[in-house]
PDB file of N, CA and C in Angstrom:
ATOM      1  N   MET A   1      71.470  18.454 -16.853  1.00  0.00           N
ATOM      2  CA  MET A   1      72.138  16.830 -17.489  1.00  0.00           C
ATOM      3  C   MET A   1      73.283  17.213 -16.591  1.00  0.00           C
ATOM      4  N   LYS A   2      74.141  17.738 -16.372  1.00  0.00           N
ATOM      5  CA  LYS A   2      75.730  18.000 -15.943  1.00  0.00           C
ATOM      6  C   LYS A   2      75.543  17.155 -14.373  1.00  0.00           C
ATOM      7  N   ASN A   3      74.542  17.846 -13.580  1.00  0.00           N
ATOM      8  CA  ASN A   3      74.572  17.182 -12.183  1.00  0.00           C
ATOM      9  C   ASN A   3      74.098  15.866 -12.224  1.00  0.00           C
ATOM     10  N   LEU A   4      73.298  15.094 -13.184  1.00  0.00           N
ATOM     11  CA  LEU A   4      72.884  13.969 -13.212  1.00  0.00           C
ATOM     12  C   LEU A   4      73.946  12.910 -13.772  1.00  0.00           C
ATOM     13  N   THR A   5      74.929  13.450 -14.559  1.00  0.00           N
ATOM     14  CA  THR A   5      75.923  12.883 -15.269  1.00  0.00           C
ATOM     15  C   THR A   5      76.647  12.614 -13.688  1.00  0.00           C
ATOM     16  N   ILE A   6      77.044  13.832 -13.070  1.00  0.00           N
ATOM     17  CA  ILE A   6      77.968  13.763 -11.991  1.00  0.00           C
ATOM     18  C   ILE A   6      77.451  12.599 -10.636  1.00  0.00           C
ATOM     19  N   VAL A   7      76.168  12.576 -10.384  1.00  0.00           N
ATOM     20  CA  VAL A   7      75.464  11.723  -9.501  1.00  0.00           C
ATOM     21  C   VAL A   7      75.704  10.355  -9.805  1.00  0.00           C
ATOM     22  N   LEU A   8      75.271  10.143 -11.336  1.00  0.00           N
ATOM     23  CA  LEU A   8      75.798   8.583 -11.771  1.00  0.00           C
ATOM     24  C   LEU A   8      77.275   8.482 -12.040  1.00  0.00           C
ATOM     25  N   PHE A   9      78.343   9.502 -11.936  1.00  0.00           N
ATOM     26  CA  PHE A   9      79.325   8.606 -12.044  1.00  0.00           C
ATOM     27  C   PHE A   9      79.863   8.354 -10.658  1.00  0.00           C
ATOM     28  N   ILE A  10      79.642   9.146  -9.717  1.00  0.00           N
ATOM     29  CA  ILE A  10      79.511   8.379  -8.238  1.00  0.00           C
ATOM     30  C   ILE A  10      78.879   7.523  -7.720  1.00  0.00           C
ATOM     31  N   PHE A  11      77.472   7.222  -8.077  1.00  0.00           N
ATOM     32  CA  PHE A  11      76.949   6.171  -7.706  1.00  0.00           C
ATOM     33  C   PHE A  11      77.727   4.849  -8.468  1.00  0.00           C
ATOM     34  N   ILE A  12      78.336   5.012  -9.539  1.00  0.00           N
ATOM     35  CA  ILE A  12      79.079   3.996 -10.406  1.00  0.00           C
ATOM     36  C   ILE A  12      80.264   3.734  -9.602  1.00  0.00           C
ATOM     37  N   SER A  13      81.007   4.646  -9.368  1.00  0.00           N
ATOM     38  CA  SER A  13      82.679   4.528  -8.574  1.00  0.00           C
ATOM     39  C   SER A  13      82.254   3.827  -7.664  1.00  0.00           C
ATOM     40  N   ARG A  14      81.366   4.108  -6.359  1.00  0.00           N
ATOM     41  CA  ARG A  14      80.664   3.536  -5.508  1.00  0.00           C
ATOM     42  C   ARG A  14      80.562   1.791  -5.293  1.00  0.00           C
ATOM     43  N   ILE A  15      80.289   1.760  -6.591  1.00  0.00           N
ATOM     44  CA  ILE A  15      79.882   0.144  -6.408  1.00  0.00           C
ATOM     45  C   ILE A  15      81.163  -0.304  -7.317  1.00  0.00           C
ATOM     46  N   VAL A  16      81.513   0.166  -8.221  1.00  0.00           N
ATOM     47  CA  VAL A  16      83.215  -0.336  -8.199  1.00  0.00           C
ATOM     48  C   VAL A  16      84.257  -0.967  -7.484  1.00  0.00           C
ATOM     49  N   LEU A  17      84.197   0.680  -6.311  1.00  0.00           N
ATOM     50  CA  LEU A  17      85.014   0.742  -5.398  1.00  0.00           C
ATOM     51  C   LEU A  17      84.726  -0.116  -3.985  1.00  0.00           C
ATOM     52  N   ALA A  18      83.366  -0.957  -3.873  1.00  0.00           N
ATOM     53  CA  ALA A  18      83.134  -1.619  -3.075  1.00  0.00           C
ATOM     54  C   ALA A  18      83.307  -3.272  -3.249  1.00  0.00           C
ATOM     55  N   GLN A  19      83.800  -3.459  -4.571  1.00  0.00           N
ATOM     56  CA  GLN A  19      83.853  -4.775  -4.883  1.00  0.00           C
ATOM     57  C   GLN A  19      85.326  -5.062  -4.212  1.00  0.00           C
ATOM     58  N   SER A  20      85.318  -6.324  -3.641  1.00  0.00           N
ATOM     59  CA  SER A  20      86.676  -6.917  -3.073  1.00  0.00           C
ATOM     60  C   SER A  20      87.135  -8.152  -3.703  1.00  0.00           C
ATOM     61  N   PHE A  21      88.623  -8.064  -3.703  1.00  0.00           N
ATOM     62  CA  PHE A  21      88.811  -9.240  -4.346  1.00  0.00           C
ATOM     63  C   PHE A  21      90.122 -10.129  -3.687  1.00  0.00           C
ATOM     64  N   VAL A  22      90.191 -11.609  -4.038  1.00  0.00           N
ATOM     65  CA  VAL A  22      90.846 -12.585  -2.845  1.00  0.00           C
ATOM     66  C   VAL A  22      92.327 -12.859  -3.694  1.00  0.00           C
ATOM     67  N   LEU A  23      93.394 -13.145  -2.982  1.00  0.00           N
ATOM     68  CA  LEU A  23      94.690 -13.375  -3.912  1.00  0.00           C
ATOM     69  C   LEU A  23      94.121 -14.659  -4.181  1.00  0.00           C
ATOM     70  N   ILE A  24      94.617 -15.254  -4.973  1.00  0.00           N
ATOM     71  CA  ILE A  24      94.594 -16.774  -5.482  1.00  0.00           C
ATOM     72  C   ILE A  24      95.840 -17.211  -5.454  1.00  0.00           C
ATOM     73  N   GLN A  25      96.602 -17.896  -5.471  1.00  0.00           N
ATOM     74  CA  GLN A  25      98.359 -18.683  -5.565  1.00  0.00           C
ATOM     75  C   GLN A  25      97.964 -20.117  -5.785  1.00  0.00           C
ATOM     76  N   ASN A  26      97.195 -21.066  -5.885  1.00  0.00           N
ATOM     77  CA  ASN A  26      97.066 -22.028  -5.906  1.00  0.00           C
ATOM     78  C   ASN A  26      96.191 -22.770  -6.724  1.00  0.00           C
ATOM     79  N   SER A  27      95.717 -22.089  -7.881  1.00  0.00           N
ATOM     80  CA  SER A  27      94.966 -22.582  -8.579  1.00  0.00           C
ATOM     81  C   SER A  27      95.289 -22.715  -9.960  1.00  0.00           C
ATOM     82  N   ASN A  28      94.352 -23.434 -10.815  1.00  0.00           N
ATOM     83  CA  ASN A  28      95.041 -23.454 -12.567  1.00  0.00           C
ATOM     84  C   ASN A  28      94.633 -22.268 -12.838  1.00  0.00           C
ATOM     85  N   ILE A  29      94.125 -21.542 -12.589  1.00  0.00           N
ATOM     86  CA  ILE A  29      93.999 -20.002 -13.002  1.00  0.00           C
ATOM     87  C   ILE A  29      95.769 -19.070 -12.851  1.00  0.00           C
ATOM     88  N   VAL A  30      96.086 -19.655 -11.870  1.00  0.00           N
ATOM     89  CA  VAL A  30      97.498 -19.088 -11.733  1.00  0.00           C
ATOM     90  C   VAL A  30      98.768 -20.248 -12.206  1.00  0.00           C
ATOM     91  N   THR A  31      98.207 -21.114 -12.187  1.00  0.00           N
ATOM     92  CA  THR A  31      99.928 -21.624 -12.594  1.00  0.00           C
ATOM     93  C   THR A  31      99.647 -22.146 -14.409  1.00  0.00           C
ATOM     94  N   ASP A  32      98.728 -22.618 -14.587  1.00  0.00           N
ATOM     95  CA  ASP A  32      98.316 -22.730 -16.005  1.00  0.00           C
ATOM     96  C   ASP A  32      99.360 -22.047 -17.009  1.00  0.00           C
ATOM     97  N   LEU A  33     100.439 -22.374 -17.575  1.00  0.00           N
ATOM     98  CA  LEU A  33     101.588 -21.297 -18.619  1.00  0.00           C
ATOM     99  C   LEU A  33     100.891 -21.716 -19.668  1.00  0.00           C
ATOM    100  N   GLY A  34     101.408 -20.463 -20.369  1.00  0.00           N
ATOM    101  CA  GLY A  34     101.326 -20.004 -22.102  1.00  0.00           C
ATOM    102  C   GLY A  34     101.902 -18.909 -22.369  1.00  0.00           C
ATOM    103  N   TYR A  35     101.925 -18.696 -23.608  1.00  0.00           N
ATOM    104  CA  TYR A  35     102.703 -17.748 -24.282  1.00  0.00           C
ATOM    105  C   TYR A  35     101.524 -16.433 -24.246  1.00  0.00           C
ATOM    106  N   SER A  36     100.754 -15.733 -23.050  1.00  0.00           N
ATOM    107  CA  SER A  36      99.625 -15.127 -23.044  1.00  0.00           C
ATOM    108  C   SER A  36      99.797 -14.026 -23.624  1.00  0.00           C
ATOM    109  N   GLN A  37      98.879 -13.165 -24.338  1.00  0.00           N
ATOM    110  CA  GLN A  37      98.895 -11.752 -25.332  1.00  0.00           C
ATOM    111  C   GLN A  37      97.737 -11.107 -24.604  1.00  0.00           C
ATOM    112  N   GLY A  38      96.663 -11.589 -24.464  1.00  0.00           N
ATOM    113  CA  GLY A  38      95.248 -11.175 -23.939  1.00  0.00           C
ATOM    114  C   GLY A  38      94.630 -11.806 -22.788  1.00  0.00           C
ATOM    115  N   CYS A  39      93.647 -11.198 -22.478  1.00  0.00           N
ATOM    116  CA  CYS A  39      92.693 -11.529 -21.253  1.00  0.00           C
ATOM    117  C   CYS A  39      91.589 -10.765 -21.683  1.00  0.00           C
ATOM    118  N   ALA A  40      90.198 -11.484 -21.013  1.00  0.00           N
ATOM    119  CA  ALA A  40      89.050 -10.480 -20.967  1.00  0.00           C
ATOM    120  C   ALA A  40      88.278 -11.342 -20.014  1.00  0.00           C
ATOM    121  N   TRP A  41      87.560 -10.648 -19.020  1.00  0.00           N
ATOM    122  CA  TRP A  41      86.596 -11.295 -18.170  1.00  0.00           C
ATOM    123  C   TRP A  41      85.073 -10.914 -19.154  1.00  0.00           C
ATOM    124  N   GLY A  42      83.966 -12.033 -18.529  1.00  0.00           N
ATOM    125  CA  GLY A  42      82.730 -11.827 -18.941  1.00  0.00           C
ATOM    126  C   GLY A  42      82.036 -12.774 -18.498  1.00  0.00           C
ATOM    127  N   ASP A  43      80.675 -12.662 -18.320  1.00  0.00           N
ATOM    128  CA  ASP A  43      79.837 -13.530 -17.767  1.00  0.00           C
ATOM    129  C   ASP A  43      79.074 -14.145 -18.780  1.00  0.00           C
ATOM    130  N   TYR A  44      79.594 -15.491 -19.437  1.00  0.00           N
ATOM    131  CA  TYR A  44      79.271 -15.990 -20.606  1.00  0.00           C
ATOM    132  C   TYR A  44      77.762 -16.689 -20.418  1.00  0.00           C
ATOM    133  N   ASP A  45      77.665 -17.136 -19.376  1.00  0.00           N
ATOM    134  CA  ASP A  45      76.383 -17.936 -18.999  1.00  0.00           C
ATOM    135  C   ASP A  45      75.414 -17.406 -18.321  1.00  0.00           C
ATOM    136  N   ASN A  46      75.886 -16.148 -18.397  1.00  0.00           N
ATOM    137  CA  ASN A  46      74.475 -15.156 -17.594  1.00  0.00           C
ATOM    138  C   ASN A  46      74.308 -15.619 -15.973  1.00  0.00           C
ATOM    139  N   ASP A  47      75.417 -16.228 -15.366  1.00  0.00           N
ATOM    140  CA  ASP A  47      75.238 -16.615 -14.053  1.00  0.00           C
ATOM    141  C   ASP A  47      75.677 -15.699 -12.626  1.00  0.00           C
ATOM    142  N   GLY A  48      75.809 -14.487 -13.468  1.00  0.00           N
ATOM    143  CA  GLY A  48      76.335 -13.270 -12.315  1.00  0.00           C
ATOM    144  C   GLY A  48      77.747 -13.305 -12.195  1.00  0.00           C
ATOM    145  N   TYR A  49      78.499 -13.962 -12.573  1.00  0.00           N
ATOM    146  CA  TYR A  49      79.746 -13.997 -12.277  1.00  0.00           C
ATOM    147  C   TYR A  49      80.778 -14.507 -13.003  1.00  0.00           C
ATOM    148  N   LEU A  50      81.663 -13.153 -13.215  1.00  0.00           N
ATOM    149  CA  LEU A  50      82.389 -12.967 -14.203  1.00  0.00           C
ATOM    150  C   LEU A  50      83.401 -14.448 -14.521  1.00  0.00           C
ATOM    151  N   ASP A  51      83.660 -14.936 -15.827  1.00  0.00           N
ATOM    152  CA  ASP A  51      84.451 -15.829 -16.214  1.00  0.00           C
ATOM    153  C   ASP A  51      85.449 -15.154 -17.165  1.00  0.00           C
ATOM    154  N   PHE A  52      86.634 -16.258 -16.873  1.00  0.00           N
ATOM    155  CA  PHE A  52      88.017 -15.521 -17.354  1.00  0.00           C
ATOM    156  C   PHE A  52      88.543 -16.401 -18.671  1.00  0.00           C
ATOM    157  N   TYR A  53      89.003 -15.362 -20.276  1.00  0.00           N
ATOM    158  CA  TYR A  53      89.910 -16.119 -21.473  1.00  0.00           C
ATOM    159  C   TYR A  53      90.768 -15.600 -21.423  1.00  0.00           C
ATOM    160  N   VAL A  54      91.678 -16.095 -21.691  1.00  0.00           N
ATOM    161  CA  VAL A  54      93.127 -16.341 -21.815  1.00  0.00           C
ATOM    162  C   VAL A  54      93.582 -16.514 -23.479  1.00  0.00           C
ATOM    163  N   THR A  55      93.824 -15.231 -24.137  1.00  0.00           N
ATOM    164  CA  THR A  55      94.436 -15.836 -25.783  1.00  0.00           C
ATOM    165  C   THR A  55      96.057 -16.193 -25.495  1.00  0.00           C
ATOM    166  N   ASN A  56      96.760 -17.155 -26.259  1.00  0.00           N
ATOM    167  CA  ASN A  56      97.868 -17.480 -26.375  1.00  0.00           C
ATOM    168  C   ASN A  56      98.549 -17.351 -27.545  1.00  0.00           C
ATOM    169  N   SER A  57      99.671 -16.903 -27.892  1.00  0.00           N
ATOM    170  CA  SER A  57     100.437 -17.220 -28.896  1.00  0.00           C
ATOM    171  C   SER A  57     101.519 -17.362 -29.139  1.00  0.00           C
ATOM    172  N   TRP A  58     102.147 -17.407 -30.428  1.00  0.00           N
ATOM    173  CA  TRP A  58     103.653 -17.873 -30.553  1.00  0.00           C
ATOM    174  C   TRP A  58     103.959 -19.379 -30.463  1.00  0.00           C
ATOM    175  N   THR A  59     103.067 -19.887 -29.737  1.00  0.00           N
ATOM    176  CA  THR A  59     103.329 -21.484 -29.200  1.00  0.00           C
ATOM    177  C   THR A  59     102.108 -22.263 -29.983  1.00  0.00           C
ATOM    178  N   ASN A  60     101.453 -21.915 -30.276  1.00  0.00           N
ATOM    179  CA  ASN A  60     100.135 -22.357 -31.003  1.00  0.00           C
ATOM    180  C   ASN A  60      99.641 -23.226 -29.767  1.00  0.00           C
ATOM    181  N   ASP A  61      99.848 -23.186 -28.694  1.00  0.00           N
ATOM    182  CA  ASP A  61      98.822 -23.441 -27.498  1.00  0.00           C
ATOM    183  C   ASP A  61      97.390 -23.176 -27.571  1.00  0.00           C
ATOM    184  N   ASP A  62      96.608 -23.960 -27.195  1.00  0.00           N
ATOM    185  CA  ASP A  62      95.088 -23.308 -27.318  1.00  0.00           C
ATOM    186  C   ASP A  62      94.806 -22.514 -26.224  1.00  0.00           C
ATOM    187  N   ASN A  63      94.030 -21.063 -26.565  1.00  0.00           N
ATOM    188  CA  ASN A  63      93.569 -20.581 -24.955  1.00  0.00           C
ATOM    189  C   ASN A  63      93.014 -20.913 -24.642  1.00  0.00           C
ATOM    190  N   LEU A  64      93.157 -20.420 -23.041  1.00  0.00           N
ATOM    191  CA  LEU A  64      92.365 -20.979 -21.957  1.00  0.00           C
ATOM    192  C   LEU A  64      91.159 -20.306 -21.472  1.00  0.00           C
ATOM    193  N   PHE A  65      90.383 -21.072 -21.095  1.00  0.00           N
ATOM    194  CA  PHE A  65      89.101 -20.605 -20.629  1.00  0.00           C
ATOM    195  C   PHE A  65      88.569 -21.203 -19.568  1.00  0.00           C
ATOM    196  N   TYR A  66      88.403 -20.036 -18.427  1.00  0.00           N
ATOM    197  CA  TYR A  66      87.825 -20.435 -16.797  1.00  0.00           C
ATOM    198  C   TYR A  66      86.854 -20.480 -16.538  1.00  0.00           C
ATOM    199  N   HIS A  67      85.594 -20.930 -16.074  1.00  0.00           N
ATOM    200  CA  HIS A  67      84.265 -20.853 -15.593  1.00  0.00           C
ATOM    201  C   HIS A  67      84.233 -20.396 -13.860  1.00  0.00           C
ATOM    202  N   ASN A  68      83.933 -19.106 -13.486  1.00  0.00           N
ATOM    203  CA  ASN A  68      83.478 -18.566 -12.299  1.00  0.00           C
ATOM    204  C   ASN A  68      82.667 -19.722 -11.670  1.00  0.00           C
ATOM    205  N   ASN A  69      83.088 -20.582 -10.882  1.00  0.00           N
ATOM    206  CA  ASN A  69      82.218 -21.385  -9.905  1.00  0.00           C
ATOM    207  C   ASN A  69      81.359 -20.284  -8.762  1.00  0.00           C
ATOM    208  N   GLY A  70      81.306 -19.184  -8.682  1.00  0.00           N
ATOM    209  CA  GLY A  70      80.939 -18.212  -8.007  1.00  0.00           C
ATOM    210  C   GLY A  70      81.448 -18.534  -6.607  1.00  0.00           C
ATOM    211  N   ASP A  71      82.488 -19.014  -5.591  1.00  0.00           N
ATOM    212  CA  ASP A  71      82.548 -19.285  -4.587  1.00  0.00           C
ATOM    213  C   ASP A  71      84.182 -19.029  -4.046  1.00  0.00           C
ATOM    214  N   GLY A  72      84.708 -18.387  -5.077  1.00  0.00           N
ATOM    215  CA  GLY A  72      86.173 -17.773  -5.288  1.00  0.00           C
ATOM    216  C   GLY A  72      86.879 -19.141  -6.254  1.00  0.00           C
ATOM    217  N   THR A  73      86.217 -20.228  -6.881  1.00  0.00           N
ATOM    218  CA  THR A  73      87.486 -20.945  -7.507  1.00  0.00           C
ATOM    219  C   THR A  73      87.128 -20.996  -8.973  1.00  0.00           C
ATOM    220  N   PHE A  74      87.723 -21.439  -9.463  1.00  0.00           N
ATOM    221  CA  PHE A  74      87.031 -21.243 -11.326  1.00  0.00           C
ATOM    222  C   PHE A  74      87.810 -22.632 -11.927  1.00  0.00           C
ATOM    223  N   GLU A  75      86.631 -23.408 -13.058  1.00  0.00           N
ATOM    224  CA  GLU A  75      87.168 -24.345 -13.129  1.00  0.00           C
ATOM    225  C   GLU A  75      87.475 -24.137 -14.760  1.00  0.00           C
ATOM    226  N   LYS A  76      88.614 -24.965 -15.169  1.00  0.00           N
ATOM    227  CA  LYS A  76      89.187 -24.503 -16.217  1.00  0.00           C
ATOM    228  C   LYS A  76      88.240 -25.501 -17.447  1.00  0.00           C
ATOM    229  N   ILE A  77      87.775 -24.948 -18.507  1.00  0.00           N
ATOM    230  CA  ILE A  77      86.956 -25.544 -19.520  1.00  0.00           C
ATOM    231  C   ILE A  77      87.844 -25.918 -20.533  1.00  0.00           C
ATOM    232  N   THR A  78      87.841 -27.425 -20.833  1.00  0.00           N
ATOM    233  CA  THR A  78      88.736 -27.975 -21.641  1.00  0.00           C
ATOM    234  C   THR A  78      88.261 -28.895 -23.089  1.00  0.00           C
ATOM    235  N   THR A  79      86.628 -28.695 -23.087  1.00  0.00           N
ATOM    236  CA  THR A  79      85.718 -29.115 -23.918  1.00  0.00           C
ATOM    237  C   THR A  79      85.388 -28.419 -24.979  1.00  0.00           C
ATOM    238  N   GLY A  80      84.934 -28.356 -25.974  1.00  0.00           N
ATOM    239  CA  GLY A  80      83.928 -27.530 -26.835  1.00  0.00           C
ATOM    240  C   GLY A  80      84.733 -26.380 -27.461  1.00  0.00           C
ATOM    241  N   TYR A  81      84.334 -25.859 -28.410  1.00  0.00           N
ATOM    242  CA  TYR A  81      85.224 -24.966 -29.544  1.00  0.00           C
ATOM    243  C   TYR A  81      85.538 -23.900 -28.836  1.00  0.00           C
ATOM    244  N   ILE A  82      85.214 -22.943 -27.740  1.00  0.00           N
ATOM    245  CA  ILE A  82      85.700 -21.822 -26.673  1.00  0.00           C
ATOM    246  C   ILE A  82      87.027 -22.465 -26.170  1.00  0.00           C
ATOM    247  N   ALA A  83      87.071 -23.693 -25.992  1.00  0.00           N
ATOM    248  CA  ALA A  83      88.244 -23.933 -24.773  1.00  0.00           C
ATOM    249  C   ALA A  83      89.217 -24.852 -26.212  1.00  0.00           C
ATOM    250  N   ASN A  84      88.820 -25.245 -27.243  1.00  0.00           N
ATOM    251  CA  ASN A  84      89.708 -25.733 -27.991  1.00  0.00           C
ATOM    252  C   ASN A  84      90.228 -24.693 -29.728  1.00  0.00           C
ATOM    253  N   ASP A  85      90.300 -23.431 -29.163  1.00  0.00           N
ATOM    254  CA  ASP A  85      90.542 -22.200 -30.086  1.00  0.00           C
ATOM    255  C   ASP A  85      92.148 -22.280 -30.027  1.00  0.00           C
ATOM    256  N   GLY A  86      92.648 -22.147 -30.828  1.00  0.00           N
ATOM    257  CA  GLY A  86      94.173 -21.858 -30.419  1.00  0.00           C
ATOM    258  C   GLY A  86      94.576 -21.459 -31.953  1.00  0.00           C
ATOM    259  N   GLY A  87      96.040 -21.421 -31.433  1.00  0.00           N
ATOM    260  CA  GLY A  87      96.504 -20.626 -32.878  1.00  0.00           C
ATOM    261  C   GLY A  87      97.629 -19.517 -32.448  1.00  0.00           C
ATOM    262  N   ASN A  88      97.712 -18.841 -33.050  1.00  0.00           N
ATOM    263  CA  ASN A  88      98.759 -17.327 -32.979  1.00  0.00           C
ATOM    264  C   ASN A  88      97.713 -16.067 -32.565  1.00  0.00           C
ATOM    265  N   SER A  89      96.891 -16.354 -31.048  1.00  0.00           N
ATOM    266  CA  SER A  89      95.940 -15.450 -30.617  1.00  0.00           C
ATOM    267  C   SER A  89      96.510 -14.334 -29.893  1.00  0.00           C
ATOM    268  N   ASN A  90      96.299 -12.851 -30.373  1.00  0.00           N
ATOM    269  CA  ASN A  90      96.667 -12.150 -29.703  1.00  0.00           C
ATOM    270  C   ASN A  90      95.690 -11.138 -28.506  1.00  0.00           C
ATOM    271  N   GLY A  91      94.436 -11.250 -28.852  1.00  0.00           N
ATOM    272  CA  GLY A  91      93.371 -10.510 -27.813  1.00  0.00           C
ATOM    273  C   GLY A  91      91.809 -10.797 -28.419  1.00  0.00           C
ATOM    274  N   CYS A  92      91.370 -10.536 -27.116  1.00  0.00           N
ATOM    275  CA  CYS A  92      90.243 -10.913 -27.220  1.00  0.00           C
ATOM    276  C   CYS A  92      89.204  -9.810 -26.622  1.00  0.00           C
ATOM    277  N   SER A  93      87.655 -10.064 -26.929  1.00  0.00           N
ATOM    278  CA  SER A  93      86.925  -9.374 -26.328  1.00  0.00           C
ATOM    279  C   SER A  93      85.456  -9.763 -26.291  1.00  0.00           C
ATOM    280  N   TRP A  94      84.591  -9.339 -25.132  1.00  0.00           N
ATOM    281  CA  TRP A  94      83.365 -10.131 -25.101  1.00  0.00           C
ATOM    282  C   TRP A  94      82.474  -8.959 -25.800  1.00  0.00           C
ATOM    283  N   GLY A  95      81.158  -9.212 -26.236  1.00  0.00           N
ATOM    284  CA  GLY A  95      80.175  -8.096 -26.515  1.00  0.00           C
ATOM    285  C   GLY A  95      79.110  -9.188 -27.323  1.00  0.00           C
ATOM    286  N   ASP A  96      77.938  -8.881 -26.966  1.00  0.00           N
ATOM    287  CA  ASP A  96      76.470  -9.087 -27.307  1.00  0.00           C
ATOM    288  C   ASP A  96      76.576  -8.849 -28.832  1.00  0.00           C
ATOM    289  N   TYR A  97      76.913  -9.130 -29.539  1.00  0.00           N
ATOM    290  CA  TYR A  97      77.325  -9.216 -30.964  1.00  0.00           C
ATOM    291  C   TYR A  97      76.043  -9.323 -31.828  1.00  0.00           C
ATOM    292  N   ASN A  98      75.113 -10.643 -31.620  1.00  0.00           N
ATOM    293  CA  ASN A  98      73.512 -10.650 -32.061  1.00  0.00           C
ATOM    294  C   ASN A  98      72.629 -10.395 -31.044  1.00  0.00           C
ATOM    295  N   ASN A  99      72.802  -9.882 -30.084  1.00  0.00           N
ATOM    296  CA  ASN A  99      71.381  -9.180 -29.203  1.00  0.00           C
ATOM    297  C   ASN A  99      70.473 -10.348 -28.532  1.00  0.00           C
ATOM    298  N   ASP A 100      71.074 -11.264 -28.615  1.00  0.00           N
ATOM    299  CA  ASP A 100      70.627 -12.426 -27.841  1.00  0.00           C
ATOM    300  C   ASP A 100      70.420 -12.536 -26.520  1.00  0.00           C
ATOM    301  N   GLY A 101      71.140 -11.518 -25.857  1.00  0.00           N
ATOM    302  CA  GLY A 101      71.356 -11.392 -24.133  1.00  0.00           C
ATOM    303  C   GLY A 101      72.698 -12.429 -23.776  1.00  0.00           C
ATOM    304  N   TYR A 102      73.316 -13.016 -24.644  1.00  0.00           N
ATOM    305  CA  TYR A 102      74.478 -13.517 -23.881  1.00  0.00           C
ATOM    306  C   TYR A 102      75.521 -13.070 -24.759  1.00  0.00           C
ATOM    307  N   ILE A 103      76.499 -12.788 -23.654  1.00  0.00           N
ATOM    308  CA  ILE A 103      77.797 -12.111 -24.796  1.00  0.00           C
ATOM    309  C   ILE A 103      78.348 -13.062 -25.489  1.00  0.00           C
ATOM    310  N   ASP A 104      79.242 -12.540 -26.317  1.00  0.00           N
ATOM    311  CA  ASP A 104      80.010 -13.292 -27.743  1.00  0.00           C
ATOM    312  C   ASP A 104      81.297 -13.127 -27.218  1.00  0.00           C
ATOM    313  N   LEU A 105      82.044 -13.816 -27.742  1.00  0.00           N
ATOM    314  CA  LEU A 105      83.503 -13.647 -27.333  1.00  0.00           C
ATOM    315  C   LEU A 105      84.351 -13.511 -28.945  1.00  0.00           C
ATOM    316  N   PHE A 106      84.889 -12.255 -29.236  1.00  0.00           N
ATOM    317  CA  PHE A 106      85.816 -12.316 -30.346  1.00  0.00           C
ATOM    318  C   PHE A 106      87.359 -12.508 -29.747  1.00  0.00           C
ATOM    319  N   VAL A 107      87.995 -13.302 -30.961  1.00  0.00           N
ATOM    320  CA  VAL A 107      89.255 -13.385 -30.366  1.00  0.00           C
ATOM    321  C   VAL A 107      90.304 -13.112 -31.705  1.00  0.00           C
ATOM    322  N   ALA A 108      91.245 -12.537 -31.822  1.00  0.00           N
ATOM    323  CA  ALA A 108      91.930 -12.020 -32.715  1.00  0.00           C
ATOM    324  C   ALA A 108      93.264 -12.906 -32.806  1.00  0.00           C
ATOM    325  N   ASN A 109      93.154 -13.320 -34.313  1.00  0.00           N
ATOM    326  CA  ASN A 109      94.360 -14.138 -34.615  1.00  0.00           C
ATOM    327  C   ASN A 109      95.323 -13.569 -35.765  1.00  0.00           C
ATOM    328  N   VAL A 110      96.316 -13.773 -35.463  1.00  0.00           N
ATOM    329  CA  VAL A 110      97.389 -13.418 -36.584  1.00  0.00           C
ATOM    330  C   VAL A 110      97.853 -14.450 -37.287  1.00  0.00           C
ATOM    331  N   ASN A 111      97.727 -14.686 -38.705  1.00  0.00           N
ATOM    332  CA  ASN A 111      98.011 -15.334 -39.529  1.00  0.00           C
ATOM    333  C   ASN A 111      99.649 -15.480 -39.818  1.00  0.00           C
ATOM    334  N   ASP A 112     100.020 -16.747 -39.909  1.00  0.00           N
ATOM    335  CA  ASP A 112     101.554 -16.764 -40.038  1.00  0.00           C
ATOM    336  C   ASP A 112     101.892 -16.562 -41.563  1.00  0.00           C
TER     337      ASP A 112
END
């Protein structure tokens, strides 16, 4: 079992290390401002690309949600419940809460 664990770790490590990143400097994902406290990456629509959610606090600004277009760009989602969630949010996390095959978003808000 120990050898299997080591082999699995090496395999997963190679997958993670093989990914490449691109510096983005002129996109709304970089220039949108807020008093951001937390963020999480998750593939909310199961298209194979990680989407990005950012929580904002203290300013009562809406949280920010960006859909990954799969070509190195992100589209800011401005409609719907996930985009209009605001208040004093301090963190977030993705997970498939109800086992339907789609990840769900948990946002931690602080009551004033």
